[in-house]
Protein backbone atom coordinates (compact mmCIF):
# COMPACT_ATOMS: atom_id res chain seq x y z
CA UNK A 1 7.88 -14.11 26.29
CA UNK A 2 5.02 -13.14 28.30
CA UNK A 3 1.49 -14.43 27.80
CA UNK A 4 -1.97 -13.05 28.55
CA UNK A 5 -4.45 -15.52 29.98
CA UNK A 6 -8.09 -15.94 29.06
CA UNK A 7 -10.30 -17.28 32.06
CA UNK A 8 -13.63 -16.26 30.18
CA UNK A 9 -14.85 -15.56 26.71
CA UNK A 10 -18.56 -14.16 25.53
CA UNK A 11 -19.91 -13.81 21.67
CA UNK A 12 -20.68 -16.35 18.85
CA UNK A 13 -17.13 -16.33 17.74
CA UNK A 14 -15.50 -17.96 20.25
CA UNK A 15 -18.57 -20.69 20.72
CA UNK A 16 -18.14 -21.84 17.21
CA UNK A 17 -14.62 -21.54 16.52
CA UNK A 18 -11.83 -24.26 17.34
CA UNK A 19 -9.02 -21.65 18.09
CA UNK A 20 -6.83 -22.25 21.10
CA UNK A 21 -5.50 -18.75 21.49
CA UNK A 22 -5.34 -15.93 19.78
CA UNK A 23 -1.86 -14.55 18.59
CA UNK A 24 -2.06 -10.78 18.74
CA UNK A 25 -0.46 -9.12 15.64
CA UNK A 26 -1.34 -5.57 16.10
CA UNK A 27 0.68 -2.97 17.85
CA UNK A 28 1.63 -3.14 21.89
CA UNK A 29 -0.61 0.20 22.38
CA UNK A 30 -3.55 -1.90 21.99
CA UNK A 31 -2.43 -5.23 23.62
CA UNK A 32 -3.86 -6.63 26.69
CA UNK A 33 -1.77 -4.81 29.94
CA UNK A 34 0.50 -3.32 27.18
CA UNK A 35 2.22 -6.74 26.88
CA UNK A 36 4.48 -7.02 24.02
CA UNK A 37 3.17 -8.65 20.87
CA UNK A 38 4.50 -11.86 19.57
CA UNK A 39 6.17 -9.89 16.99
CA UNK A 40 8.13 -7.86 19.10
CA UNK A 41 9.11 -10.31 21.66
CA UNK A 42 10.29 -12.76 19.39
CA UNK A 43 13.97 -13.54 17.99
CA UNK A 44 13.18 -12.93 14.66
CA UNK A 45 16.00 -11.44 12.63
CA UNK A 46 13.27 -9.46 10.68
CA UNK A 47 10.13 -8.79 12.30
CA UNK A 48 7.38 -9.25 9.72
CA UNK A 49 5.08 -11.29 8.62
CA UNK A 50 2.59 -11.98 5.70
CA UNK A 51 -0.89 -13.74 4.74
CA UNK A 52 -1.79 -16.43 1.99
CA UNK A 53 -5.59 -16.86 2.10
CA UNK A 54 -7.35 -19.28 -0.18
CA UNK A 55 -11.01 -20.33 -0.46
CA UNK A 56 -9.90 -23.82 0.85
CA UNK A 57 -8.32 -23.16 4.52
CA UNK A 58 -6.16 -26.17 3.91
CA UNK A 59 -4.41 -24.03 1.46
CA UNK A 60 -3.78 -20.86 3.44
CA UNK A 61 -0.73 -20.06 5.00
CA UNK A 62 1.50 -17.64 7.06
CA UNK A 63 4.90 -16.70 6.43
CA UNK A 64 7.28 -15.21 9.25
CA UNK A 65 9.30 -13.44 8.90
CA UNK A 66 8.98 -11.99 5.06
CA UNK A 67 6.91 -13.16 2.09
CA UNK A 68 6.88 -15.42 -0.70
CA UNK A 69 9.27 -14.59 -3.56
CA UNK A 70 7.92 -16.81 -6.28
CA UNK A 71 4.29 -16.73 -7.69
CA UNK A 72 3.25 -12.89 -6.50
CA UNK A 73 3.94 -9.53 -7.90
CA UNK A 74 4.11 -6.54 -5.65
CA UNK A 75 1.46 -3.60 -5.78
CA UNK A 76 2.25 -0.93 -3.89
CA UNK A 77 3.64 -0.33 -0.31
CA UNK A 78 1.29 1.90 2.36
CA UNK A 79 2.77 3.82 5.62
CA UNK A 80 0.54 2.74 8.83
CA UNK A 81 -0.84 6.02 9.70
CA UNK A 82 -1.93 5.21 12.95
CA UNK A 83 0.00 2.28 15.24
CA UNK A 84 -2.68 0.35 16.97
CA UNK A 85 -3.91 -1.92 14.20
CA UNK A 86 -2.17 -1.81 11.06
CA UNK A 87 -4.01 1.21 9.80
CA UNK A 88 -3.80 2.77 6.28
CA UNK A 89 -5.52 5.86 4.64
CA UNK A 90 -8.95 5.12 3.33
CA UNK A 91 -9.96 7.49 0.42
CA UNK A 92 -13.11 5.98 -0.97
CA UNK A 93 -15.02 3.18 -2.12
CA UNK A 94 -16.31 2.82 -5.58
CA UNK A 95 -19.20 0.81 -6.91
CA UNK A 96 -21.27 1.02 -10.68
CA UNK A 97 -19.83 4.63 -10.91
CA UNK A 98 -20.71 5.96 -7.77
CA UNK A 99 -17.92 7.48 -5.33
CA UNK A 100 -18.99 6.80 -1.67
CA UNK A 101 -16.32 9.30 0.24
CA UNK A 102 -14.61 8.02 3.43
CA UNK A 103 -12.79 11.12 4.32
CA UNK A 104 -11.53 10.83 7.77
CA UNK A 105 -11.80 6.94 7.74
CA UNK A 106 -9.08 4.46 8.38
CA UNK A 107 -8.82 1.03 6.84
CA UNK A 108 -7.74 -1.28 9.39
CA UNK A 109 -5.98 -4.07 7.71
CA UNK A 110 -6.52 -7.14 10.04
CA UNK A 111 -5.95 -10.62 9.79
CA UNK A 112 -8.30 -11.52 12.75
CA UNK A 113 -11.33 -10.52 10.81
CA UNK A 114 -12.96 -12.51 8.38
CA UNK A 115 -15.25 -9.94 6.57
CA UNK A 116 -14.86 -6.45 5.76
CA UNK A 117 -16.74 -4.48 8.25
CA UNK A 118 -17.18 -0.74 9.04
CA UNK A 119 -19.85 1.83 10.16
CA UNK A 120 -23.37 1.85 8.80
CA UNK A 121 -22.85 5.36 7.46
CA UNK A 122 -20.45 3.95 4.94
CA UNK A 123 -21.01 0.27 4.40
CA UNK A 124 -24.60 0.69 3.98
CA UNK A 125 -24.36 2.68 0.71
CA UNK A 126 -21.72 0.09 -0.46
CA UNK A 127 -23.82 -2.82 -0.07
CA UNK A 128 -26.95 -0.98 -1.56
CA UNK A 129 -25.22 -0.18 -4.49
CA UNK A 130 -24.08 -3.71 -4.85
CA UNK A 131 -27.52 -5.27 -4.75
CA UNK A 132 -29.10 -8.64 -3.18
CA UNK A 133 -27.23 -11.36 -3.52
CA UNK A 134 -28.85 -14.69 -4.26
CA UNK A 135 -28.59 -17.24 -1.78
CA UNK A 136 -28.72 -20.03 -4.49
CA UNK A 137 -25.48 -17.92 -6.16
CA UNK A 138 -27.20 -17.65 -9.57
CA UNK A 139 -26.63 -13.73 -9.79
CA UNK A 140 -23.02 -13.76 -8.55
CA UNK A 141 -21.41 -13.35 -12.24
CA UNK A 142 -23.84 -9.98 -12.43
CA UNK A 143 -22.56 -8.16 -9.34
CA UNK A 144 -20.61 -5.08 -10.07
CA UNK A 145 -16.80 -4.58 -8.97
CA UNK A 146 -15.96 -2.73 -5.89
CA UNK A 147 -13.36 -0.57 -5.94
CA UNK A 148 -11.18 0.36 -2.57
CA UNK A 149 -9.00 3.62 -2.87
CA UNK A 150 -6.34 3.35 -0.41
CA UNK A 151 -3.70 5.98 -0.47
CA UNK A 152 -4.72 7.11 -4.46
CA UNK A 153 -4.34 3.55 -5.66
CA UNK A 154 -7.22 1.69 -6.96
CA UNK A 155 -7.86 -1.75 -5.37
CA UNK A 156 -10.67 -3.90 -7.19
CA UNK A 157 -12.82 -6.54 -5.98
CA UNK A 158 -14.95 -8.53 -8.12
CA UNK A 159 -18.11 -10.38 -7.07
CA UNK A 160 -16.22 -13.78 -6.67
CA UNK A 161 -13.86 -12.10 -4.58
CA UNK A 162 -16.50 -10.50 -1.85
CA UNK A 163 -19.45 -13.38 -1.80
CA UNK A 164 -18.52 -15.93 -0.11
CA UNK A 165 -19.75 -19.63 -0.23
CA UNK A 166 -21.15 -21.23 2.51
CA UNK A 167 -22.14 -24.81 2.89
CA UNK A 168 -24.66 -25.76 5.46
CA UNK A 169 -26.15 -29.19 5.59
CA UNK A 170 -25.36 -30.20 2.18
CA UNK A 171 -26.16 -26.95 0.43
CA UNK A 172 -24.00 -24.28 -0.92
CA UNK A 173 -24.91 -20.89 -0.12
CA UNK A 174 -23.92 -17.51 -1.15
CA UNK A 175 -23.42 -14.48 1.42
CA UNK A 176 -22.04 -10.69 1.16
CA UNK A 177 -18.77 -10.63 2.66
CA UNK A 178 -19.42 -6.98 3.63
CA UNK A 179 -21.42 -5.91 6.65
CA UNK A 180 -21.88 -3.02 8.24
CA UNK A 181 -22.29 -2.69 11.95
CA UNK A 182 -23.58 -0.30 14.80
CA UNK A 183 -20.25 1.43 16.02
CA UNK A 184 -19.65 4.05 18.69
CA UNK A 185 -19.25 7.60 18.20
CA UNK A 186 -15.48 8.19 17.00
CA UNK A 187 -15.08 4.72 15.38
CA UNK A 188 -13.42 5.83 12.40
CA UNK A 189 -12.36 2.61 10.84
CA UNK A 190 -13.04 0.02 7.97
CA UNK A 191 -11.93 -3.42 9.43
CA UNK A 192 -10.18 -4.75 6.18
CA UNK A 193 -10.14 -8.63 6.49
CA UNK A 194 -9.78 -11.97 4.92
CA UNK A 195 -12.14 -11.49 2.09
CA UNK A 196 -9.46 -8.51 0.81
CA UNK A 197 -6.73 -10.57 1.68
CA UNK A 198 -7.77 -13.34 -0.84
CA UNK A 199 -7.37 -11.20 -3.41
CA UNK A 200 -4.31 -8.84 -2.11
CA UNK A 201 -2.04 -10.78 0.01
CA UNK A 202 -0.61 -8.73 2.65
CA UNK A 203 2.90 -8.21 3.97
CA UNK A 204 3.24 -6.71 7.57
CA UNK A 205 6.17 -5.15 8.26
CA UNK A 206 7.39 -3.78 11.53
CA UNK A 207 10.86 -2.78 10.65
CA UNK A 208 9.23 0.39 8.71
CA UNK A 209 5.63 0.24 9.80
CA UNK A 210 4.61 -0.33 6.38
CA UNK A 211 1.92 -2.74 4.87
CA UNK A 212 2.42 -4.16 1.29
CA UNK A 213 -0.45 -5.59 -0.89
CA UNK A 214 0.68 -8.48 -3.39
CA UNK A 215 -1.36 -10.29 -6.35
CA UNK A 216 -0.63 -13.69 -7.89
CA UNK A 217 1.37 -13.12 -10.78
CA UNK A 218 -1.14 -15.17 -12.97
CA UNK A 219 -4.76 -14.27 -12.60
CA UNK A 220 -6.10 -17.44 -13.88
CA UNK A 221 -4.43 -19.43 -10.87
CA UNK A 222 -7.17 -17.63 -8.67
CA UNK A 223 -9.95 -19.86 -7.27
CA UNK A 224 -13.05 -18.89 -8.60
CA UNK A 225 -16.70 -20.36 -7.93
CA UNK A 226 -17.79 -23.61 -9.42
CA UNK A 227 -21.59 -22.76 -10.81
C-alpha cells in the first residue's frame, strides 16, 4: 500500500487539530498523485464503510466494512453522480415554508468536514431564513427545521441537529453548524459533513457507488442539548 507524505501544511485546521494524518476516503480521481485510496488498496472482502457520529466524540465510531445491523433503520440509498467526493444530486433546501433551489448543485457527502459548507449564493439565504443563533443557547428551541431534498427524498434537521454546543473556558456557547464561503466559479458543491452525519449516519459502498442514510430506530435515544 502506498502512502503520501505531507512535509508542510498551513491553515488553522492543522494547527489546532490533534490528527497525525489523513485517511482519504474519496475517489482516487482526486487523490494525491492518483495513489489508490485506502479502501481501494485494502484487502477488505467488501469495500465499504459507515460513520456513527455522536455529540460526545468518544462515542463516535467508524465501521469498516459494512454498517451496524442493530439500532438503526435504513432510510434511502442514493447513487453517486460524480466520483470525486461522494457526490449526490441535491434538489433544494427548505426552511420556514420557503424553498431555496439548488439546481445544478451536488451534495458532497464528506466525513472530513465538521460543518455543512457551501457557496454563499445558496447558503447565505438558508442561514438568513433560520435567523440569529443566541450564543447563550437561549433560543435554540425556537429555531426552524431545515429540510434537505436529495434525490427527491426529504431529510429534516432540527435546530438541535444543526446548532453546535462549544465549550470555551468553562462557558457553553451555541454556534450555527452551517457556513457559507466564497468559492471559485464552477464550484457547484455543498459539502455535507458531520452535522448531517449525527442525524443520518451514512454508509458508503464502493461496490455499487452508493451512499445510504440511516437513522436511529428509536428517536428518543438521540443526544439532545442539556438546557
